[in-house]
Amino acid sequence: MSTKTISVDFPSDILLALNESETDLKKDIKISLAIRLYSLQKLTIGKASQLAGVSRLAFETILSENNIPISNLTIEDVMGDSQKLQ
C-alpha cells in the first residue's frame, strides 16, 4: 500500500500544553479523523480502521468507547432484509 504524507502546522507550544509526544499526537489525529469520516459515512469501517492505523476490531472498540454505532443500518433496513429471507 502506498502512502501520502500530509503536513499540518501547529503552534510550537501545543505538544507541551497537551503533554503528548509528536507520535502520540499523530496517532490521536489519525484516529479522530477516521472516526469523523466514518461518522459522516465518507469512509467504510474498513477504510476508517486503515486510516486510523488499527485493526478493524480495534477500530470497532474505539467507536464503541465513543458511543458511535458500528453499523449504519436502520431498523427498517434490518426488517426489510428479514422479510426478504422469509
N, C-alpha and C. Protein backbone atom coordinates (compact mmCIF):
# COMPACT_ATOMS: atom_id res chain seq x y z
N MET A 1 0.85 -1.18 0.00
CA MET A 1 0.00 0.00 0.00
C MET A 1 0.89 1.24 0.00
N SER A 2 0.63 2.13 -0.91
CA SER A 2 1.39 3.38 -0.92
C SER A 2 0.74 4.36 0.05
N THR A 3 1.53 5.30 0.49
CA THR A 3 1.02 6.29 1.44
C THR A 3 1.28 7.69 0.90
N LYS A 4 0.56 8.62 1.45
CA LYS A 4 0.71 10.04 1.11
C LYS A 4 0.92 10.79 2.42
N THR A 5 1.89 11.67 2.44
CA THR A 5 2.16 12.46 3.64
C THR A 5 1.49 13.82 3.52
N ILE A 6 0.75 14.17 4.55
CA ILE A 6 0.11 15.48 4.63
C ILE A 6 0.66 16.16 5.88
N SER A 7 1.10 17.38 5.71
CA SER A 7 1.70 18.12 6.82
C SER A 7 0.70 19.13 7.37
N VAL A 8 0.63 19.19 8.70
CA VAL A 8 -0.24 20.16 9.37
C VAL A 8 0.62 20.94 10.36
N ASP A 9 0.55 22.25 10.30
CA ASP A 9 1.33 23.08 11.20
C ASP A 9 0.55 23.38 12.48
N PHE A 10 1.26 23.29 13.61
CA PHE A 10 0.68 23.59 14.91
C PHE A 10 1.58 24.59 15.62
N PRO A 11 1.00 25.42 16.47
CA PRO A 11 1.85 26.29 17.30
C PRO A 11 2.81 25.41 18.12
N SER A 12 4.01 25.87 18.30
CA SER A 12 5.05 25.05 18.92
C SER A 12 4.73 24.62 20.35
N ASP A 13 3.87 25.35 21.04
CA ASP A 13 3.59 25.00 22.44
C ASP A 13 2.42 24.01 22.60
N ILE A 14 1.83 23.57 21.50
CA ILE A 14 0.69 22.65 21.60
C ILE A 14 1.10 21.32 22.23
N LEU A 15 2.22 20.76 21.78
CA LEU A 15 2.66 19.48 22.35
C LEU A 15 2.91 19.61 23.85
N LEU A 16 3.48 20.73 24.24
CA LEU A 16 3.73 20.96 25.66
C LEU A 16 2.41 21.09 26.42
N ALA A 17 1.48 21.84 25.85
CA ALA A 17 0.17 22.03 26.51
C ALA A 17 -0.58 20.71 26.62
N LEU A 18 -0.46 19.87 25.61
CA LEU A 18 -1.15 18.57 25.63
C LEU A 18 -0.40 17.53 26.43
N ASN A 19 0.87 17.80 26.70
CA ASN A 19 1.73 16.86 27.40
C ASN A 19 1.77 15.52 26.65
N GLU A 20 1.92 15.60 25.32
CA GLU A 20 1.98 14.43 24.46
C GLU A 20 3.20 14.52 23.56
N SER A 21 3.65 13.36 23.16
CA SER A 21 4.73 13.33 22.18
C SER A 21 4.14 13.58 20.80
N GLU A 22 5.00 13.90 19.85
CA GLU A 22 4.55 14.11 18.48
C GLU A 22 3.93 12.83 17.92
N THR A 23 4.51 11.69 18.26
CA THR A 23 3.98 10.40 17.81
C THR A 23 2.58 10.16 18.34
N ASP A 24 2.37 10.44 19.62
CA ASP A 24 1.04 10.25 20.22
C ASP A 24 0.02 11.19 19.60
N LEU A 25 0.42 12.43 19.35
CA LEU A 25 -0.49 13.39 18.74
C LEU A 25 -0.88 12.95 17.33
N LYS A 26 0.09 12.48 16.55
CA LYS A 26 -0.20 11.99 15.20
C LYS A 26 -1.20 10.84 15.26
N LYS A 27 -0.99 9.92 16.19
CA LYS A 27 -1.89 8.77 16.34
C LYS A 27 -3.30 9.25 16.68
N ASP A 28 -3.40 10.17 17.64
CA ASP A 28 -4.71 10.70 18.05
C ASP A 28 -5.42 11.42 16.90
N ILE A 29 -4.66 12.17 16.11
CA ILE A 29 -5.24 12.89 14.98
C ILE A 29 -5.77 11.91 13.94
N LYS A 30 -5.00 10.87 13.65
CA LYS A 30 -5.44 9.88 12.66
C LYS A 30 -6.70 9.16 13.13
N ILE A 31 -6.75 8.80 14.40
CA ILE A 31 -7.94 8.13 14.94
C ILE A 31 -9.14 9.07 14.92
N SER A 32 -8.94 10.31 15.34
CA SER A 32 -10.04 11.29 15.34
C SER A 32 -10.57 11.54 13.94
N LEU A 33 -9.67 11.66 12.98
CA LEU A 33 -10.09 11.87 11.60
C LEU A 33 -10.85 10.66 11.07
N ALA A 34 -10.36 9.48 11.38
CA ALA A 34 -11.03 8.25 10.94
C ALA A 34 -12.44 8.16 11.53
N ILE A 35 -12.58 8.47 12.81
CA ILE A 35 -13.89 8.47 13.46
C ILE A 35 -14.81 9.47 12.77
N ARG A 36 -14.32 10.65 12.53
CA ARG A 36 -15.13 11.71 11.90
C ARG A 36 -15.59 11.31 10.50
N LEU A 37 -14.66 10.81 9.69
CA LEU A 37 -15.01 10.43 8.32
C LEU A 37 -15.94 9.23 8.28
N TYR A 38 -15.77 8.31 9.23
CA TYR A 38 -16.69 7.18 9.33
C TYR A 38 -18.08 7.67 9.74
N SER A 39 -18.13 8.55 10.71
CA SER A 39 -19.42 9.08 11.20
C SER A 39 -20.16 9.83 10.10
N LEU A 40 -19.42 10.49 9.23
CA LEU A 40 -20.02 11.23 8.11
C LEU A 40 -20.33 10.31 6.92
N GLN A 41 -20.04 9.02 7.09
CA GLN A 41 -20.23 7.99 6.06
C GLN A 41 -19.42 8.28 4.80
N LYS A 42 -18.27 8.90 5.00
CA LYS A 42 -17.35 9.14 3.88
C LYS A 42 -16.38 8.00 3.72
N LEU A 43 -16.16 7.22 4.78
CA LEU A 43 -15.31 6.03 4.74
C LEU A 43 -16.06 4.85 5.32
N THR A 44 -15.80 3.68 4.75
CA THR A 44 -16.33 2.46 5.34
C THR A 44 -15.57 2.19 6.64
N ILE A 45 -16.08 1.27 7.43
CA ILE A 45 -15.40 0.94 8.68
C ILE A 45 -14.02 0.35 8.41
N GLY A 46 -13.89 -0.40 7.32
CA GLY A 46 -12.59 -0.97 6.97
C GLY A 46 -11.57 0.09 6.58
N LYS A 47 -12.00 1.04 5.74
CA LYS A 47 -11.10 2.12 5.32
C LYS A 47 -10.78 3.05 6.49
N ALA A 48 -11.75 3.28 7.36
CA ALA A 48 -11.52 4.14 8.53
C ALA A 48 -10.51 3.48 9.47
N SER A 49 -10.61 2.18 9.66
CA SER A 49 -9.65 1.49 10.53
C SER A 49 -8.26 1.54 9.91
N GLN A 50 -8.21 1.44 8.57
CA GLN A 50 -6.92 1.55 7.87
C GLN A 50 -6.32 2.94 8.08
N LEU A 51 -7.13 3.98 7.94
CA LEU A 51 -6.65 5.35 8.18
C LEU A 51 -6.18 5.51 9.61
N ALA A 52 -6.91 4.95 10.56
CA ALA A 52 -6.55 5.06 11.97
C ALA A 52 -5.29 4.28 12.31
N GLY A 53 -4.94 3.32 11.45
CA GLY A 53 -3.74 2.52 11.71
C GLY A 53 -3.95 1.43 12.73
N VAL A 54 -5.20 0.96 12.84
CA VAL A 54 -5.51 -0.10 13.79
C VAL A 54 -6.33 -1.18 13.07
N SER A 55 -6.45 -2.33 13.69
CA SER A 55 -7.27 -3.39 13.12
C SER A 55 -8.74 -2.97 13.12
N ARG A 56 -9.52 -3.67 12.33
CA ARG A 56 -10.95 -3.36 12.29
C ARG A 56 -11.58 -3.58 13.67
N LEU A 57 -11.20 -4.67 14.33
CA LEU A 57 -11.74 -4.94 15.67
C LEU A 57 -11.36 -3.84 16.65
N ALA A 58 -10.12 -3.38 16.58
CA ALA A 58 -9.69 -2.30 17.48
C ALA A 58 -10.46 -1.01 17.17
N PHE A 59 -10.71 -0.75 15.87
CA PHE A 59 -11.46 0.45 15.50
C PHE A 59 -12.90 0.34 15.97
N GLU A 60 -13.49 -0.84 15.86
CA GLU A 60 -14.85 -1.03 16.36
C GLU A 60 -14.91 -0.78 17.86
N THR A 61 -13.88 -1.19 18.57
CA THR A 61 -13.80 -0.94 20.01
C THR A 61 -13.70 0.56 20.29
N ILE A 62 -12.89 1.26 19.51
CA ILE A 62 -12.77 2.72 19.65
C ILE A 62 -14.12 3.39 19.40
N LEU A 63 -14.82 2.94 18.35
CA LEU A 63 -16.14 3.51 18.07
C LEU A 63 -17.08 3.27 19.25
N SER A 64 -17.07 2.05 19.77
CA SER A 64 -17.94 1.71 20.90
C SER A 64 -17.62 2.59 22.12
N GLU A 65 -16.34 2.80 22.38
CA GLU A 65 -15.93 3.64 23.51
C GLU A 65 -16.37 5.08 23.34
N ASN A 66 -16.61 5.49 22.09
CA ASN A 66 -17.06 6.85 21.80
C ASN A 66 -18.55 6.92 21.47
N ASN A 67 -19.26 5.84 21.80
CA ASN A 67 -20.72 5.76 21.59
C ASN A 67 -21.12 6.01 20.14
N ILE A 68 -20.34 5.47 19.22
CA ILE A 68 -20.63 5.58 17.79
C ILE A 68 -20.98 4.18 17.30
N PRO A 69 -22.15 4.04 16.68
CA PRO A 69 -22.57 2.71 16.20
C PRO A 69 -21.60 2.17 15.14
N ILE A 70 -21.39 0.86 15.16
CA ILE A 70 -20.51 0.25 14.17
C ILE A 70 -21.26 -0.13 12.90
N SER A 71 -22.55 0.11 12.89
CA SER A 71 -23.35 -0.16 11.71
C SER A 71 -24.25 1.04 11.45
N ASN A 72 -24.44 1.33 10.18
CA ASN A 72 -25.32 2.42 9.80
C ASN A 72 -26.71 1.92 9.40
N LEU A 73 -26.96 0.65 9.65
CA LEU A 73 -28.26 0.09 9.31
C LEU A 73 -29.34 0.64 10.22
N THR A 74 -30.49 0.91 9.64
CA THR A 74 -31.65 1.33 10.42
C THR A 74 -32.51 0.11 10.73
N ILE A 75 -33.46 0.26 11.62
CA ILE A 75 -34.40 -0.81 11.92
C ILE A 75 -35.13 -1.23 10.65
N GLU A 76 -35.47 -0.24 9.83
CA GLU A 76 -36.16 -0.54 8.57
C GLU A 76 -35.31 -1.41 7.65
N ASP A 77 -34.00 -1.13 7.61
CA ASP A 77 -33.10 -1.94 6.79
C ASP A 77 -33.10 -3.39 7.27
N VAL A 78 -32.99 -3.57 8.57
CA VAL A 78 -32.96 -4.92 9.15
C VAL A 78 -34.28 -5.63 8.92
N MET A 79 -35.37 -4.94 9.14
CA MET A 79 -36.69 -5.56 8.94
C MET A 79 -36.91 -5.92 7.47
N GLY A 80 -36.48 -5.04 6.58
CA GLY A 80 -36.61 -5.31 5.14
C GLY A 80 -35.79 -6.53 4.74
N ASP A 81 -34.56 -6.63 5.28
CA ASP A 81 -33.73 -7.79 4.98
C ASP A 81 -34.34 -9.07 5.54
N SER A 82 -34.92 -9.00 6.73
CA SER A 82 -35.51 -10.21 7.32
C SER A 82 -36.74 -10.65 6.54
N GLN A 83 -37.46 -9.69 5.98
CA GLN A 83 -38.62 -10.03 5.15
C GLN A 83 -38.18 -10.76 3.88
N LYS A 84 -37.07 -10.35 3.31
CA LYS A 84 -36.55 -10.97 2.11
C LYS A 84 -36.13 -12.42 2.35
N LEU A 85 -35.73 -12.72 3.58
CA LEU A 85 -35.26 -14.06 3.91
C LEU A 85 -36.40 -15.04 4.17
N GLN A 86 -37.58 -14.54 4.32
CA GLN A 86 -38.72 -15.42 4.62
C GLN A 86 -39.33 -16.01 3.39
